[in-house]
Amino acid sequence: MVLCEFRSALRDRQNKLWSAYLLAMSTCWLMELAVHKMEKEKLFSYHWHPYAVDPSKDYSSEPPTLVEFILESQDGGTLLTVIESGFDALPTERRDEAWRMNDGGWTEQVANIETYVNQESRESNPAVS
């Protein structure tokens, strides 16, 4: 399970987190995913094939993992929790590398989201720095 979290100075602006995530992911590569569940301003989850980067390989027969983005109001800001589960079902020859690449990838993506959200906060409220 990959777990990353951060606190943002934003209040009642969770939609910025979704926008930041989609922007961060869209600059990396084209990916296929199947939306699992959406709850406005609370949860976004999807299934995908982690680290499926070899264009000559068909990953469709492999079980996907589940990625969950959970938003919670906390301490005057927003807590984002990212969880990816299901690595234990991946083929053993791919499991370790997919885990390693996704663990580092989520750390980087959450940092990108934090940067974006903090920048948006400064632009909309110059007194916040």
N, C-alpha and C. Protein backbone atom coordinates (compact mmCIF):
# COMPACT_ATOMS: atom_id res chain seq x y z
N MET A 1 0.84 -1.17 0.00
CA MET A 1 0.00 0.00 0.00
C MET A 1 0.89 1.24 0.00
N VAL A 2 0.63 2.17 -0.89
CA VAL A 2 1.37 3.42 -0.96
C VAL A 2 0.52 4.47 -0.26
N LEU A 3 1.11 5.19 0.66
CA LEU A 3 0.36 6.20 1.38
C LEU A 3 1.16 7.49 1.42
N CYS A 4 0.61 8.54 0.87
CA CYS A 4 1.23 9.85 0.90
C CYS A 4 0.17 10.82 1.39
N GLU A 5 0.58 11.78 2.15
CA GLU A 5 -0.39 12.76 2.61
C GLU A 5 0.27 14.11 2.77
N PHE A 6 -0.50 15.13 2.68
CA PHE A 6 -0.03 16.47 2.98
C PHE A 6 -1.18 17.33 3.43
N ARG A 7 -0.85 18.39 4.10
CA ARG A 7 -1.86 19.34 4.53
C ARG A 7 -1.72 20.59 3.68
N SER A 8 -2.81 21.14 3.30
CA SER A 8 -2.82 22.35 2.49
C SER A 8 -3.46 23.47 3.29
N ALA A 9 -3.06 24.68 3.00
CA ALA A 9 -3.63 25.82 3.70
C ALA A 9 -5.01 26.17 3.15
N LEU A 10 -5.45 25.44 2.15
CA LEU A 10 -6.74 25.75 1.54
C LEU A 10 -7.89 25.20 2.37
N ARG A 11 -8.97 25.92 2.38
CA ARG A 11 -10.18 25.46 3.04
C ARG A 11 -11.31 25.55 2.02
N ASP A 12 -12.13 24.52 1.95
CA ASP A 12 -13.28 24.49 1.04
C ASP A 12 -12.87 24.64 -0.42
N ARG A 13 -11.70 24.13 -0.79
CA ARG A 13 -11.27 24.22 -2.19
C ARG A 13 -10.68 22.88 -2.63
N GLN A 14 -11.29 21.77 -2.20
CA GLN A 14 -10.76 20.46 -2.52
C GLN A 14 -10.70 20.19 -4.02
N ASN A 15 -11.55 20.84 -4.80
CA ASN A 15 -11.56 20.59 -6.24
C ASN A 15 -10.21 20.96 -6.85
N LYS A 16 -9.46 21.84 -6.23
CA LYS A 16 -8.12 22.18 -6.74
C LYS A 16 -7.21 20.96 -6.68
N LEU A 17 -7.41 20.10 -5.69
CA LEU A 17 -6.57 18.90 -5.59
C LEU A 17 -6.82 17.97 -6.77
N TRP A 18 -8.08 17.79 -7.16
CA TRP A 18 -8.38 16.94 -8.31
C TRP A 18 -7.74 17.51 -9.57
N SER A 19 -7.90 18.82 -9.76
CA SER A 19 -7.33 19.47 -10.94
C SER A 19 -5.83 19.31 -10.98
N ALA A 20 -5.19 19.48 -9.83
CA ALA A 20 -3.73 19.36 -9.75
C ALA A 20 -3.28 17.95 -10.08
N TYR A 21 -4.01 16.95 -9.57
CA TYR A 21 -3.64 15.56 -9.85
C TYR A 21 -3.76 15.26 -11.34
N LEU A 22 -4.87 15.64 -11.93
CA LEU A 22 -5.06 15.36 -13.35
C LEU A 22 -4.02 16.07 -14.21
N LEU A 23 -3.67 17.29 -13.84
CA LEU A 23 -2.64 18.02 -14.56
C LEU A 23 -1.29 17.32 -14.41
N ALA A 24 -0.95 16.92 -13.20
CA ALA A 24 0.34 16.26 -12.96
C ALA A 24 0.43 14.95 -13.73
N MET A 25 -0.62 14.16 -13.72
CA MET A 25 -0.58 12.87 -14.40
C MET A 25 -0.60 13.02 -15.92
N SER A 26 -1.29 14.02 -16.43
CA SER A 26 -1.41 14.16 -17.88
C SER A 26 -0.10 14.57 -18.53
N THR A 27 0.84 15.08 -17.76
CA THR A 27 2.12 15.48 -18.33
C THR A 27 3.12 14.33 -18.38
N CYS A 28 2.76 13.20 -17.83
CA CYS A 28 3.70 12.07 -17.75
C CYS A 28 3.55 11.10 -18.92
N TRP A 29 2.40 10.51 -19.08
CA TRP A 29 2.19 9.53 -20.13
C TRP A 29 0.69 9.28 -20.28
N LEU A 30 0.34 8.64 -21.37
CA LEU A 30 -1.04 8.25 -21.59
C LEU A 30 -1.30 6.99 -20.79
N MET A 31 -2.36 6.97 -20.02
CA MET A 31 -2.67 5.79 -19.22
C MET A 31 -4.14 5.45 -19.37
N GLU A 32 -4.43 4.19 -19.22
CA GLU A 32 -5.82 3.73 -19.23
C GLU A 32 -6.22 3.41 -17.81
N LEU A 33 -7.43 3.82 -17.46
CA LEU A 33 -7.93 3.50 -16.13
C LEU A 33 -9.44 3.33 -16.20
N ALA A 34 -9.97 2.65 -15.22
CA ALA A 34 -11.41 2.46 -15.10
C ALA A 34 -11.84 3.07 -13.77
N VAL A 35 -12.68 4.09 -13.85
CA VAL A 35 -13.13 4.75 -12.63
C VAL A 35 -13.91 3.75 -11.79
N HIS A 36 -13.55 3.67 -10.53
CA HIS A 36 -14.19 2.75 -9.60
C HIS A 36 -15.31 3.47 -8.83
N LYS A 37 -14.98 4.63 -8.25
CA LYS A 37 -15.96 5.33 -7.45
C LYS A 37 -15.59 6.81 -7.38
N MET A 38 -16.62 7.66 -7.38
CA MET A 38 -16.43 9.09 -7.21
C MET A 38 -17.47 9.61 -6.23
N GLU A 39 -17.00 10.34 -5.25
CA GLU A 39 -17.87 11.03 -4.31
C GLU A 39 -17.37 12.46 -4.26
N LYS A 40 -18.17 13.37 -4.75
CA LYS A 40 -17.77 14.77 -4.89
C LYS A 40 -17.08 15.29 -3.62
N GLU A 41 -15.90 15.83 -3.83
CA GLU A 41 -15.09 16.45 -2.78
C GLU A 41 -14.72 15.51 -1.65
N LYS A 42 -14.79 14.18 -1.89
CA LYS A 42 -14.43 13.22 -0.85
C LYS A 42 -13.54 12.09 -1.36
N LEU A 43 -13.92 11.51 -2.50
CA LEU A 43 -13.23 10.30 -2.95
C LEU A 43 -13.21 10.22 -4.47
N PHE A 44 -12.07 9.82 -4.99
CA PHE A 44 -11.94 9.47 -6.40
C PHE A 44 -11.08 8.22 -6.42
N SER A 45 -11.56 7.16 -7.04
CA SER A 45 -10.78 5.93 -7.10
C SER A 45 -10.90 5.31 -8.48
N TYR A 46 -9.85 4.60 -8.85
CA TYR A 46 -9.85 3.93 -10.15
C TYR A 46 -8.96 2.70 -10.11
N HIS A 47 -9.20 1.82 -11.09
CA HIS A 47 -8.35 0.64 -11.31
C HIS A 47 -7.44 0.95 -12.49
N TRP A 48 -6.20 0.49 -12.42
CA TRP A 48 -5.29 0.63 -13.54
C TRP A 48 -4.20 -0.44 -13.45
N HIS A 49 -3.40 -0.51 -14.48
CA HIS A 49 -2.27 -1.44 -14.50
C HIS A 49 -1.02 -0.63 -14.18
N PRO A 50 -0.47 -0.81 -12.98
CA PRO A 50 0.66 0.01 -12.57
C PRO A 50 1.93 -0.28 -13.37
N TYR A 51 2.65 0.79 -13.64
CA TYR A 51 3.91 0.74 -14.37
C TYR A 51 3.80 -0.12 -15.63
N ALA A 52 2.74 0.10 -16.37
CA ALA A 52 2.50 -0.60 -17.64
C ALA A 52 3.09 0.26 -18.76
N VAL A 53 4.41 0.25 -18.89
CA VAL A 53 5.09 1.20 -19.77
C VAL A 53 5.68 0.57 -21.04
N ASP A 54 5.68 -0.74 -21.13
CA ASP A 54 6.24 -1.41 -22.31
C ASP A 54 5.17 -1.48 -23.39
N PRO A 55 5.32 -0.69 -24.48
CA PRO A 55 4.27 -0.66 -25.51
C PRO A 55 4.10 -1.99 -26.26
N SER A 56 5.08 -2.87 -26.15
CA SER A 56 4.96 -4.16 -26.85
C SER A 56 4.26 -5.22 -26.00
N LYS A 57 3.93 -4.91 -24.76
CA LYS A 57 3.29 -5.87 -23.86
C LYS A 57 1.81 -5.54 -23.67
N ASP A 58 0.99 -6.58 -23.65
CA ASP A 58 -0.44 -6.44 -23.38
C ASP A 58 -0.67 -6.74 -21.89
N TYR A 59 -1.02 -5.73 -21.14
CA TYR A 59 -1.21 -5.88 -19.69
C TYR A 59 -2.65 -6.23 -19.32
N SER A 60 -3.53 -6.32 -20.30
CA SER A 60 -4.96 -6.48 -20.02
C SER A 60 -5.31 -7.77 -19.27
N SER A 61 -4.46 -8.79 -19.36
CA SER A 61 -4.77 -10.04 -18.65
C SER A 61 -4.32 -10.01 -17.19
N GLU A 62 -3.57 -8.99 -16.82
CA GLU A 62 -3.12 -8.87 -15.43
C GLU A 62 -4.21 -8.21 -14.58
N PRO A 63 -4.27 -8.57 -13.31
CA PRO A 63 -5.23 -7.88 -12.44
C PRO A 63 -4.75 -6.45 -12.20
N PRO A 64 -5.66 -5.48 -12.19
CA PRO A 64 -5.26 -4.10 -11.93
C PRO A 64 -5.15 -3.83 -10.43
N THR A 65 -4.51 -2.73 -10.11
CA THR A 65 -4.51 -2.27 -8.72
C THR A 65 -5.62 -1.23 -8.56
N LEU A 66 -5.92 -0.89 -7.33
CA LEU A 66 -6.93 0.12 -7.02
C LEU A 66 -6.23 1.33 -6.42
N VAL A 67 -6.45 2.49 -7.02
CA VAL A 67 -5.89 3.75 -6.52
C VAL A 67 -7.04 4.56 -5.93
N GLU A 68 -6.85 5.05 -4.70
CA GLU A 68 -7.88 5.83 -4.02
C GLU A 68 -7.28 7.18 -3.59
N PHE A 69 -8.00 8.24 -3.89
CA PHE A 69 -7.68 9.58 -3.42
C PHE A 69 -8.79 9.97 -2.46
N ILE A 70 -8.43 10.19 -1.21
CA ILE A 70 -9.42 10.49 -0.18
C ILE A 70 -9.13 11.90 0.35
N LEU A 71 -10.13 12.77 0.32
CA LEU A 71 -10.00 14.13 0.81
C LEU A 71 -10.78 14.29 2.10
N GLU A 72 -10.14 14.91 3.09
CA GLU A 72 -10.80 15.16 4.36
C GLU A 72 -10.44 16.57 4.84
N SER A 73 -11.43 17.31 5.32
CA SER A 73 -11.15 18.59 5.96
C SER A 73 -10.49 18.29 7.30
N GLN A 74 -9.39 19.01 7.56
CA GLN A 74 -8.68 18.74 8.80
C GLN A 74 -7.81 19.94 9.17
N ASP A 75 -7.92 20.37 10.41
CA ASP A 75 -7.07 21.44 10.94
C ASP A 75 -7.04 22.68 10.05
N GLY A 76 -8.17 23.12 9.57
CA GLY A 76 -8.24 24.33 8.76
C GLY A 76 -7.72 24.15 7.35
N GLY A 77 -7.48 22.93 6.93
CA GLY A 77 -6.98 22.66 5.58
C GLY A 77 -7.61 21.40 5.03
N THR A 78 -6.91 20.77 4.13
CA THR A 78 -7.39 19.55 3.50
C THR A 78 -6.32 18.49 3.57
N LEU A 79 -6.68 17.30 4.01
CA LEU A 79 -5.77 16.17 4.05
C LEU A 79 -6.06 15.31 2.84
N LEU A 80 -5.04 15.04 2.03
CA LEU A 80 -5.15 14.14 0.89
C LEU A 80 -4.42 12.86 1.24
N THR A 81 -5.13 11.74 1.15
CA THR A 81 -4.52 10.43 1.36
C THR A 81 -4.60 9.68 0.04
N VAL A 82 -3.48 9.14 -0.40
CA VAL A 82 -3.42 8.36 -1.63
C VAL A 82 -3.04 6.93 -1.25
N ILE A 83 -3.88 5.98 -1.65
CA ILE A 83 -3.64 4.57 -1.34
C ILE A 83 -3.72 3.79 -2.64
N GLU A 84 -2.72 2.96 -2.89
CA GLU A 84 -2.79 2.03 -4.02
C GLU A 84 -2.64 0.63 -3.46
N SER A 85 -3.60 -0.22 -3.74
CA SER A 85 -3.60 -1.59 -3.22
C SER A 85 -3.77 -2.59 -4.35
N GLY A 86 -3.38 -3.83 -4.07
CA GLY A 86 -3.55 -4.91 -5.04
C GLY A 86 -2.26 -5.38 -5.67
N PHE A 87 -1.12 -4.89 -5.21
CA PHE A 87 0.16 -5.32 -5.78
C PHE A 87 0.41 -6.80 -5.59
N ASP A 88 -0.14 -7.37 -4.53
CA ASP A 88 0.09 -8.80 -4.26
C ASP A 88 -0.48 -9.69 -5.36
N ALA A 89 -1.41 -9.20 -6.16
CA ALA A 89 -2.01 -10.00 -7.23
C ALA A 89 -1.27 -9.87 -8.56
N LEU A 90 -0.30 -8.96 -8.63
CA LEU A 90 0.45 -8.79 -9.88
C LEU A 90 1.36 -9.99 -10.12
N PRO A 91 1.69 -10.25 -11.38
CA PRO A 91 2.63 -11.34 -11.66
C PRO A 91 3.96 -11.10 -10.93
N THR A 92 4.52 -12.15 -10.38
CA THR A 92 5.73 -12.00 -9.56
C THR A 92 6.88 -11.34 -10.32
N GLU A 93 6.97 -11.56 -11.63
CA GLU A 93 8.07 -10.98 -12.39
C GLU A 93 7.94 -9.46 -12.55
N ARG A 94 6.78 -8.91 -12.31
CA ARG A 94 6.57 -7.46 -12.42
C ARG A 94 6.33 -6.77 -11.08
N ARG A 95 5.97 -7.51 -10.08
CA ARG A 95 5.49 -6.95 -8.82
C ARG A 95 6.49 -5.98 -8.17
N ASP A 96 7.73 -6.40 -7.97
CA ASP A 96 8.69 -5.56 -7.26
C ASP A 96 8.98 -4.26 -8.00
N GLU A 97 9.17 -4.34 -9.32
CA GLU A 97 9.46 -3.13 -10.07
C GLU A 97 8.25 -2.20 -10.12
N ALA A 98 7.07 -2.76 -10.30
CA ALA A 98 5.85 -1.93 -10.32
C ALA A 98 5.67 -1.23 -8.97
N TRP A 99 5.91 -1.96 -7.88
CA TRP A 99 5.81 -1.36 -6.55
C TRP A 99 6.83 -0.23 -6.39
N ARG A 100 8.06 -0.50 -6.74
CA ARG A 100 9.13 0.48 -6.58
C ARG A 100 8.86 1.74 -7.41
N MET A 101 8.47 1.57 -8.66
CA MET A 101 8.22 2.71 -9.53
C MET A 101 6.99 3.50 -9.07
N ASN A 102 5.95 2.81 -8.62
CA ASN A 102 4.76 3.52 -8.17
C ASN A 102 4.98 4.21 -6.83
N ASP A 103 5.73 3.60 -5.94
CA ASP A 103 6.01 4.23 -4.66
C ASP A 103 6.71 5.57 -4.88
N GLY A 104 7.75 5.57 -5.69
CA GLY A 104 8.45 6.82 -6.01
C GLY A 104 7.57 7.77 -6.81
N GLY A 105 6.77 7.21 -7.70
CA GLY A 105 5.88 8.03 -8.52
C GLY A 105 4.83 8.76 -7.70
N TRP A 106 4.22 8.07 -6.74
CA TRP A 106 3.20 8.73 -5.91
C TRP A 106 3.83 9.80 -5.03
N THR A 107 5.01 9.55 -4.52
CA THR A 107 5.68 10.58 -3.73
C THR A 107 5.89 11.84 -4.57
N GLU A 108 6.33 11.65 -5.81
CA GLU A 108 6.54 12.78 -6.72
C GLU A 108 5.23 13.46 -7.08
N GLN A 109 4.19 12.69 -7.38
CA GLN A 109 2.91 13.28 -7.77
C GLN A 109 2.28 14.07 -6.62
N VAL A 110 2.37 13.56 -5.41
CA VAL A 110 1.80 14.28 -4.27
C VAL A 110 2.57 15.58 -4.05
N ALA A 111 3.88 15.56 -4.24
CA ALA A 111 4.67 16.79 -4.14
C ALA A 111 4.24 17.78 -5.23
N ASN A 112 3.99 17.29 -6.45
CA ASN A 112 3.49 18.16 -7.52
C ASN A 112 2.15 18.78 -7.17
N ILE A 113 1.26 17.99 -6.59
CA ILE A 113 -0.05 18.48 -6.20
C ILE A 113 0.10 19.54 -5.12
N GLU A 114 0.95 19.28 -4.14
CA GLU A 114 1.16 20.25 -3.06
C GLU A 114 1.70 21.57 -3.61
N THR A 115 2.65 21.51 -4.53
CA THR A 115 3.19 22.72 -5.15
C THR A 115 2.10 23.48 -5.88
N TYR A 116 1.31 22.79 -6.65
CA TYR A 116 0.23 23.42 -7.41
C TYR A 116 -0.79 24.08 -6.49
N VAL A 117 -1.24 23.35 -5.48
CA VAL A 117 -2.25 23.87 -4.57
C VAL A 117 -1.71 25.08 -3.81
N ASN A 118 -0.48 25.00 -3.35
CA ASN A 118 0.10 26.13 -2.62
C ASN A 118 0.26 27.34 -3.53
N GLN A 119 0.61 27.12 -4.78
CA GLN A 119 0.73 28.23 -5.73
C GLN A 119 -0.64 28.86 -5.98
N GLU A 120 -1.65 28.03 -6.17
CA GLU A 120 -3.01 28.54 -6.37
C GLU A 120 -3.45 29.35 -5.15
N SER A 121 -3.10 28.87 -3.96
CA SER A 121 -3.47 29.57 -2.74
C SER A 121 -2.81 30.94 -2.67
N ARG A 122 -1.53 31.03 -3.03
CA ARG A 122 -0.83 32.32 -3.01
C ARG A 122 -1.41 33.27 -4.05
N GLU A 123 -1.76 32.74 -5.23
CA GLU A 123 -2.31 33.60 -6.28
C GLU A 123 -3.70 34.13 -5.92
N SER A 124 -4.50 33.33 -5.25
CA SER A 124 -5.85 33.76 -4.90
C SER A 124 -5.89 34.56 -3.60
N ASN A 125 -4.83 34.44 -2.80
CA ASN A 125 -4.76 35.15 -1.52
C ASN A 125 -3.30 35.57 -1.30
N PRO A 126 -2.89 36.72 -1.85
CA PRO A 126 -1.49 37.15 -1.77
C PRO A 126 -0.96 37.27 -0.34
N ALA A 127 -1.82 37.38 0.65
CA ALA A 127 -1.37 37.48 2.04
C ALA A 127 -0.84 36.15 2.54
N VAL A 128 -1.18 35.03 1.88
CA VAL A 128 -0.69 33.70 2.26
C VAL A 128 0.61 33.44 1.53
N SER A 129 1.65 33.09 2.26
CA SER A 129 2.92 32.79 1.58
C SER A 129 3.63 31.62 2.18
